[in-house]
Amino acid sequence: MQNQGLYDATVQALTERGCPEELANQAATVVSNDDSNKPNLGRTETDQAVVKQALPYLQK
């Protein structure tokens, strides 16, 4: 179940900081589907890799 508000905010935050749109969309999809009741928020290794790629844009 995707949190649309979180998805939109994540895409906006990433793209405003220069993140490529495709990567921003992928990372937003991962974050908006996080499940705090699961280990690693329910993220697969691929999901984790996407977020790791996007994270530096938020740390600028």
C-alpha atoms as a PDB file:
ATOM      1  CA  MET A   1       0.000   0.000   0.000  1.00  0.00           C
ATOM      2  CA  GLN A   2       1.641   3.183  -1.189  1.00  0.00           C
ATOM      3  CA  ASN A   3       1.533   6.428   0.797  1.00  0.00           C
ATOM      4  CA  GLN A   4       0.892   8.903  -2.046  1.00  0.00           C
ATOM      5  CA  GLY A   5       1.756  11.994  -0.001  1.00  0.00           C
ATOM      6  CA  LEU A   6       5.096  10.531   1.014  1.00  0.00           C
ATOM      7  CA  TYR A   7       5.755   9.465  -2.590  1.00  0.00           C
ATOM      8  CA  ASP A   8       5.060  12.963  -3.911  1.00  0.00           C
ATOM      9  CA  ALA A   9       7.152  14.658  -1.218  1.00  0.00           C
ATOM     10  CA  THR A  10      10.070  12.305  -1.835  1.00  0.00           C
ATOM     11  CA  VAL A  11      10.044  12.864  -5.601  1.00  0.00           C
ATOM     12  CA  GLN A  12       9.884  16.620  -5.070  1.00  0.00           C
ATOM     13  CA  ALA A  13      12.691  16.676  -2.510  1.00  0.00           C
ATOM     14  CA  LEU A  14      14.967  14.546  -4.678  1.00  0.00           C
ATOM     15  CA  THR A  15      14.346  16.269  -8.007  1.00  0.00           C
ATOM     16  CA  GLU A  16      14.757  19.733  -6.445  1.00  0.00           C
ATOM     17  CA  ARG A  17      18.242  18.630  -5.390  1.00  0.00           C
ATOM     18  CA  GLY A  18      19.233  17.411  -8.836  1.00  0.00           C
ATOM     19  CA  CYS A  19      18.369  13.723  -8.621  1.00  0.00           C
ATOM     20  CA  PRO A  20      17.490  12.202 -12.005  1.00  0.00           C
ATOM     21  CA  GLU A  21      13.716  11.794 -12.281  1.00  0.00           C
ATOM     22  CA  GLU A  22      13.817   8.035 -12.866  1.00  0.00           C
ATOM     23  CA  LEU A  23      15.917   7.455  -9.742  1.00  0.00           C
ATOM     24  CA  ALA A  24      13.710   9.843  -7.739  1.00  0.00           C
ATOM     25  CA  ASN A  25      10.602   7.908  -8.793  1.00  0.00           C
ATOM     26  CA  GLN A  26      12.202   4.565  -7.917  1.00  0.00           C
ATOM     27  CA  ALA A  27      13.347   5.768  -4.498  1.00  0.00           C
ATOM     28  CA  ALA A  28       9.972   7.361  -3.787  1.00  0.00           C
ATOM     29  CA  THR A  29       8.230   4.101  -4.604  1.00  0.00           C
ATOM     30  CA  VAL A  30      10.443   2.255  -2.136  1.00  0.00           C
ATOM     31  CA  VAL A  31      10.031   4.819   0.653  1.00  0.00           C
ATOM     32  CA  SER A  32       6.277   5.160   0.183  1.00  0.00           C
ATOM     33  CA  ASN A  33       5.855   1.400   0.571  1.00  0.00           C
ATOM     34  CA  ASP A  34       7.974   1.039   3.721  1.00  0.00           C
ATOM     35  CA  ASP A  35       6.475  -1.181   6.421  1.00  0.00           C
ATOM     36  CA  SER A  36       7.775  -0.388   9.895  1.00  0.00           C
ATOM     37  CA  ASN A  37       6.593  -3.793  11.125  1.00  0.00           C
ATOM     38  CA  LYS A  38       9.053  -5.650   8.881  1.00  0.00           C
ATOM     39  CA  PRO A  39      12.834  -5.998   9.074  1.00  0.00           C
ATOM     40  CA  ASN A  40      14.602  -3.403   6.901  1.00  0.00           C
ATOM     41  CA  LEU A  41      11.186  -1.748   6.477  1.00  0.00           C
ATOM     42  CA  GLY A  42      10.266  -4.576   4.104  1.00  0.00           C
ATOM     43  CA  ARG A  43      12.860  -3.427   1.573  1.00  0.00           C
ATOM     44  CA  THR A  44      14.565  -5.921  -0.706  1.00  0.00           C
ATOM     45  CA  GLU A  45      18.280  -5.644  -1.423  1.00  0.00           C
ATOM     46  CA  THR A  46      17.379  -3.950  -4.711  1.00  0.00           C
ATOM     47  CA  ASP A  47      15.144  -1.472  -2.862  1.00  0.00           C
ATOM     48  CA  GLN A  48      17.956  -0.719  -0.433  1.00  0.00           C
ATOM     49  CA  ALA A  49      20.383  -0.140  -3.313  1.00  0.00           C
ATOM     50  CA  VAL A  50      17.995   2.354  -4.952  1.00  0.00           C
ATOM     51  CA  VAL A  51      17.617   4.338  -1.735  1.00  0.00           C
ATOM     52  CA  LYS A  52      21.380   4.271  -1.200  1.00  0.00           C
ATOM     53  CA  GLN A  53      21.871   5.769  -4.685  1.00  0.00           C
ATOM     54  CA  ALA A  54      19.349   8.540  -4.027  1.00  0.00           C
ATOM     55  CA  LEU A  55      20.447   9.401  -0.492  1.00  0.00           C
ATOM     56  CA  PRO A  56      23.443  11.595  -1.451  1.00  0.00           C
ATOM     57  CA  TYR A  57      21.071  14.020  -3.206  1.00  0.00           C
ATOM     58  CA  LEU A  58      19.317  14.642   0.117  1.00  0.00           C
ATOM     59  CA  GLN A  59      22.617  15.106   1.926  1.00  0.00           C
ATOM     60  CA  LYS A  60      23.786  17.991  -0.282  1.00  0.00           C
END
